[in-house]
Amino acid sequence: RLARPAWPSRALVAVVVAGVLLIPAGVLASFYHQQGKARPTDYPPEWYQVREYLDAQGRDYKVLFFPWHGYMSMSWNTPRFLNPADVFFNQQVIKGENFELPGIYSQSTDPVQDYITFLLEHRGQYRNLGELVAPLGVRYVVLAKEVDYERYAFLDQEEDLSRVLENDRLVVYENSYQAPRVYAANGVVPISGWEELLERSQREAITQNIY
């Protein structure tokens, strides 16, 4: 008579279930979208070109990466997957951490994520994005020509950003404002919110007030 197969212990089952529950919803959605077609893909030569350029400028600064999506489809790797900018470039990268799932736009608790989202929602109301992100340590802005990148045409209108490199897949903008890693403050100016910060930045040099 065939023996009954041994079932895993309750402890093992609990561990497996807990592991599944800890997987972010966006990751599960990404795997579902790929329908088992995930495959290793090397980055295009254009990405390596940009990485070499940024490395030549040093690594002690941050890169702001657009489009602002935590998960996105690339033309060179069609299935929707995790935004790879932070693992590819050698500098610290500020990228979107948003899931953009129905009812769940983002679960990030990082205020920087909210700040960049706020600036994107108010695009067209300023021409000083470089100054606004300088306190975050952003020296370069990189735009990938993927998904909805046309929405970021406003970057060419920013008075403190200049194109320094462009290829078929990426555009690199240099920030004319260079933020130091260490700040010294001789006072505090309270503001009511980011709206007031944005408004004040249109009539005074906010970076001079924080250095």
Protein backbone atom coordinates (compact mmCIF):
# COMPACT_ATOMS: atom_id res chain seq x y z
CA ARG A 1 0.00 0.00 0.00
CA LEU A 2 1.28 3.47 -0.88
CA ALA A 3 2.28 5.51 2.12
CA ARG A 4 0.56 8.82 2.71
CA PRO A 5 2.86 11.69 1.74
CA ALA A 6 4.27 13.53 4.69
CA TRP A 7 2.80 17.01 5.11
CA PRO A 8 5.10 19.86 6.19
CA SER A 9 4.90 20.92 9.79
CA ARG A 10 2.64 23.76 10.80
CA ALA A 11 5.71 25.84 11.61
CA LEU A 12 7.06 25.44 8.07
CA VAL A 13 3.71 26.31 6.55
CA ALA A 14 3.52 29.42 8.73
CA VAL A 15 6.97 30.53 7.60
CA VAL A 16 6.07 30.08 3.92
CA VAL A 17 2.78 31.97 4.30
CA ALA A 18 4.50 34.78 6.19
CA GLY A 19 7.11 35.05 3.46
CA VAL A 20 4.45 35.39 0.79
CA LEU A 21 2.62 38.05 2.78
CA LEU A 22 5.79 40.08 3.11
CA ILE A 23 6.21 40.37 -0.68
CA PRO A 24 5.13 43.87 -1.73
CA ALA A 25 1.95 43.95 -3.76
CA GLY A 26 3.78 45.63 -6.60
CA VAL A 27 6.24 42.75 -6.85
CA LEU A 28 3.41 40.24 -7.08
CA ALA A 29 1.74 42.36 -9.74
CA SER A 30 5.00 42.52 -11.66
CA PHE A 31 5.41 38.75 -11.67
CA TYR A 32 1.77 38.29 -12.65
CA HIS A 33 2.18 40.71 -15.53
CA GLN A 34 5.23 38.89 -16.79
CA GLN A 35 3.26 35.59 -16.89
CA GLY A 36 6.36 33.53 -16.35
CA LYS A 37 8.29 35.25 -19.14
CA ALA A 38 10.91 36.87 -16.92
CA ARG A 39 14.39 36.52 -18.32
CA PRO A 40 17.79 38.06 -17.62
CA THR A 41 18.43 41.11 -19.80
CA ASP A 42 21.54 43.22 -20.03
CA TYR A 43 21.28 47.00 -20.00
CA PRO A 44 21.55 48.80 -23.35
CA PRO A 45 24.86 50.47 -24.32
CA GLU A 46 23.23 53.88 -23.84
CA TRP A 47 22.81 53.18 -20.13
CA TYR A 48 26.48 52.29 -19.81
CA GLN A 49 27.39 55.50 -21.60
CA VAL A 50 25.47 57.56 -19.05
CA ARG A 51 26.93 55.62 -16.14
CA GLU A 52 30.46 56.24 -17.39
CA TYR A 53 29.70 59.94 -17.75
CA LEU A 54 28.29 60.22 -14.22
CA ASP A 55 31.19 58.26 -12.75
CA ALA A 56 33.61 60.66 -14.42
CA GLN A 57 31.96 63.46 -12.41
CA GLY A 58 32.48 61.57 -9.16
CA ARG A 59 30.09 59.68 -6.93
CA ASP A 60 29.57 61.97 -3.98
CA TYR A 61 26.22 63.33 -5.13
CA LYS A 62 22.69 62.18 -5.90
CA VAL A 63 20.88 61.52 -9.16
CA LEU A 64 17.18 62.22 -9.59
CA PHE A 65 15.72 59.67 -12.01
CA PHE A 66 12.61 60.10 -14.14
CA PRO A 67 10.04 58.91 -15.19
CA TRP A 68 8.73 58.80 -11.64
CA HIS A 69 7.62 55.17 -11.41
CA GLY A 70 8.55 52.41 -8.99
CA TYR A 71 7.63 49.78 -11.58
CA MET A 72 7.81 50.40 -15.30
CA SER A 73 8.17 48.73 -18.66
CA MET A 74 11.34 49.41 -20.62
CA SER A 75 11.50 49.20 -24.40
CA TRP A 76 14.48 46.89 -24.02
CA ASN A 77 12.73 44.62 -21.49
CA THR A 78 9.01 44.81 -22.09
CA PRO A 79 7.52 43.17 -18.97
CA ARG A 80 6.78 45.63 -16.15
CA PHE A 81 9.47 45.32 -13.50
CA LEU A 82 11.14 47.18 -10.67
CA ASN A 83 12.76 50.47 -11.68
CA PRO A 84 16.45 49.47 -11.94
CA ALA A 85 18.08 52.92 -11.77
CA ASP A 86 19.31 52.63 -8.19
CA VAL A 87 21.04 49.29 -8.78
CA PHE A 88 22.62 50.31 -12.08
CA PHE A 89 24.12 53.71 -11.33
CA ASN A 90 26.89 54.02 -8.79
CA GLN A 91 25.62 57.24 -7.23
CA GLN A 92 22.75 57.39 -4.78
CA VAL A 93 19.59 57.56 -6.88
CA ILE A 94 16.30 59.16 -5.95
CA LYS A 95 13.65 57.29 -7.93
CA GLY A 96 9.94 56.69 -7.62
CA GLU A 97 8.92 54.08 -5.09
CA ASN A 98 5.25 54.19 -6.04
CA PHE A 99 3.30 51.00 -6.80
CA GLU A 100 0.55 52.79 -8.77
CA LEU A 101 -1.85 49.93 -8.20
CA PRO A 102 -5.63 50.45 -7.98
CA GLY A 103 -6.24 52.03 -4.59
CA ILE A 104 -2.52 51.94 -3.67
CA TYR A 105 -0.46 54.66 -5.29
CA SER A 106 2.44 54.29 -2.87
CA GLN A 107 3.28 52.82 0.51
CA SER A 108 6.53 54.75 0.94
CA THR A 109 7.03 56.67 4.18
CA ASP A 110 9.97 58.67 2.80
CA PRO A 111 9.11 62.41 2.77
CA VAL A 112 11.42 62.86 -0.24
CA GLN A 113 8.99 60.74 -2.26
CA ASP A 114 6.11 63.02 -1.30
CA TYR A 115 8.18 66.12 -2.05
CA ILE A 116 9.14 65.04 -5.59
CA THR A 117 5.56 63.94 -6.25
CA PHE A 118 4.41 67.40 -5.11
CA LEU A 119 6.86 69.10 -7.47
CA LEU A 120 5.67 66.96 -10.38
CA GLU A 121 2.06 67.78 -9.61
CA HIS A 122 2.95 71.50 -9.75
CA ARG A 123 5.08 71.38 -12.89
CA GLY A 124 4.67 74.49 -14.96
CA GLN A 125 4.45 76.70 -11.87
CA TYR A 126 8.21 77.11 -11.54
CA ARG A 127 11.40 77.26 -13.59
CA ASN A 128 13.84 76.42 -10.78
CA LEU A 129 13.61 72.68 -10.25
CA GLY A 130 17.38 72.51 -9.78
CA GLU A 131 17.22 74.90 -6.84
CA LEU A 132 14.25 73.05 -5.36
CA VAL A 133 16.05 69.70 -5.35
CA ALA A 134 19.54 71.03 -4.53
CA PRO A 135 18.97 70.63 -0.75
CA LEU A 136 18.47 66.91 -1.42
CA GLY A 137 21.98 66.71 -2.86
CA VAL A 138 20.81 66.30 -6.47
CA ARG A 139 23.51 67.23 -8.97
CA TYR A 140 22.13 65.45 -12.06
CA VAL A 141 18.67 64.59 -13.34
CA VAL A 142 18.41 61.57 -15.63
CA LEU A 143 15.35 61.05 -17.84
CA ALA A 144 14.81 57.68 -19.51
CA LYS A 145 12.95 57.86 -22.82
CA GLU A 146 10.43 55.28 -21.69
CA VAL A 147 6.70 55.03 -20.97
CA ASP A 148 5.35 58.56 -20.37
CA TYR A 149 8.63 60.47 -20.64
CA GLU A 150 6.96 63.09 -22.85
CA ARG A 151 5.35 64.46 -19.69
CA TYR A 152 8.81 65.55 -18.55
CA ALA A 153 9.36 68.01 -21.37
CA PHE A 154 9.17 70.72 -18.71
CA LEU A 155 12.75 69.82 -17.73
CA ASP A 156 13.99 71.71 -20.80
CA GLN A 157 12.24 74.83 -19.50
CA GLU A 158 14.00 74.82 -16.13
CA GLU A 159 16.43 77.74 -15.96
CA ASP A 160 18.86 75.93 -13.64
CA LEU A 161 19.03 72.63 -15.55
CA SER A 162 21.07 72.13 -18.71
CA ARG A 163 21.37 69.14 -21.03
CA VAL A 164 24.87 67.73 -20.88
CA LEU A 165 24.33 64.32 -22.50
CA GLU A 166 21.67 62.70 -24.65
CA ASN A 167 21.44 59.44 -26.54
CA ASP A 168 18.63 57.33 -27.94
CA ARG A 169 17.47 56.18 -24.50
CA LEU A 170 18.48 58.70 -21.85
CA VAL A 171 18.87 62.43 -21.27
CA VAL A 172 21.15 63.85 -18.58
CA TYR A 173 20.60 67.30 -17.06
CA GLU A 174 23.13 69.04 -14.84
CA ASN A 175 21.93 71.10 -11.89
CA SER A 176 23.58 74.53 -11.72
CA TYR A 177 22.94 74.58 -7.96
CA GLN A 178 25.53 72.57 -6.06
CA ALA A 179 24.37 71.63 -2.58
CA PRO A 180 27.02 70.84 0.04
CA ARG A 181 26.84 67.72 2.15
CA VAL A 182 27.11 69.71 5.39
CA TYR A 183 24.87 72.63 6.31
CA ALA A 184 25.11 75.33 8.94
CA ALA A 185 22.04 77.29 9.99
CA ASN A 186 21.94 80.57 11.91
CA GLY A 187 18.18 80.65 12.24
CA VAL A 188 14.86 79.03 11.40
CA VAL A 189 12.17 80.39 9.07
CA PRO A 190 8.91 78.47 9.57
CA ILE A 191 6.73 77.78 6.54
CA SER A 192 3.23 76.42 6.37
CA GLY A 193 3.97 73.75 3.76
CA TRP A 194 5.60 72.95 0.43
CA GLU A 195 3.23 75.34 -1.31
CA GLU A 196 4.79 78.23 0.62
CA LEU A 197 8.30 76.92 -0.07
CA LEU A 198 7.50 76.83 -3.78
CA GLU A 199 6.06 80.34 -3.66
CA ARG A 200 9.04 81.76 -1.74
CA SER A 201 11.47 80.12 -4.16
CA GLN A 202 10.03 82.29 -6.94
CA ARG A 203 11.05 85.53 -5.21
CA GLU A 204 14.12 84.67 -3.14
CA ALA A 205 17.14 82.36 -3.29
CA ILE A 206 16.08 79.64 -0.88
CA THR A 207 19.40 77.80 -1.12
CA GLN A 208 21.24 80.83 0.24
CA ASN A 209 19.04 80.74 3.29
CA ILE A 210 19.96 77.17 4.21
CA TYR A 211 23.73 77.23 3.62
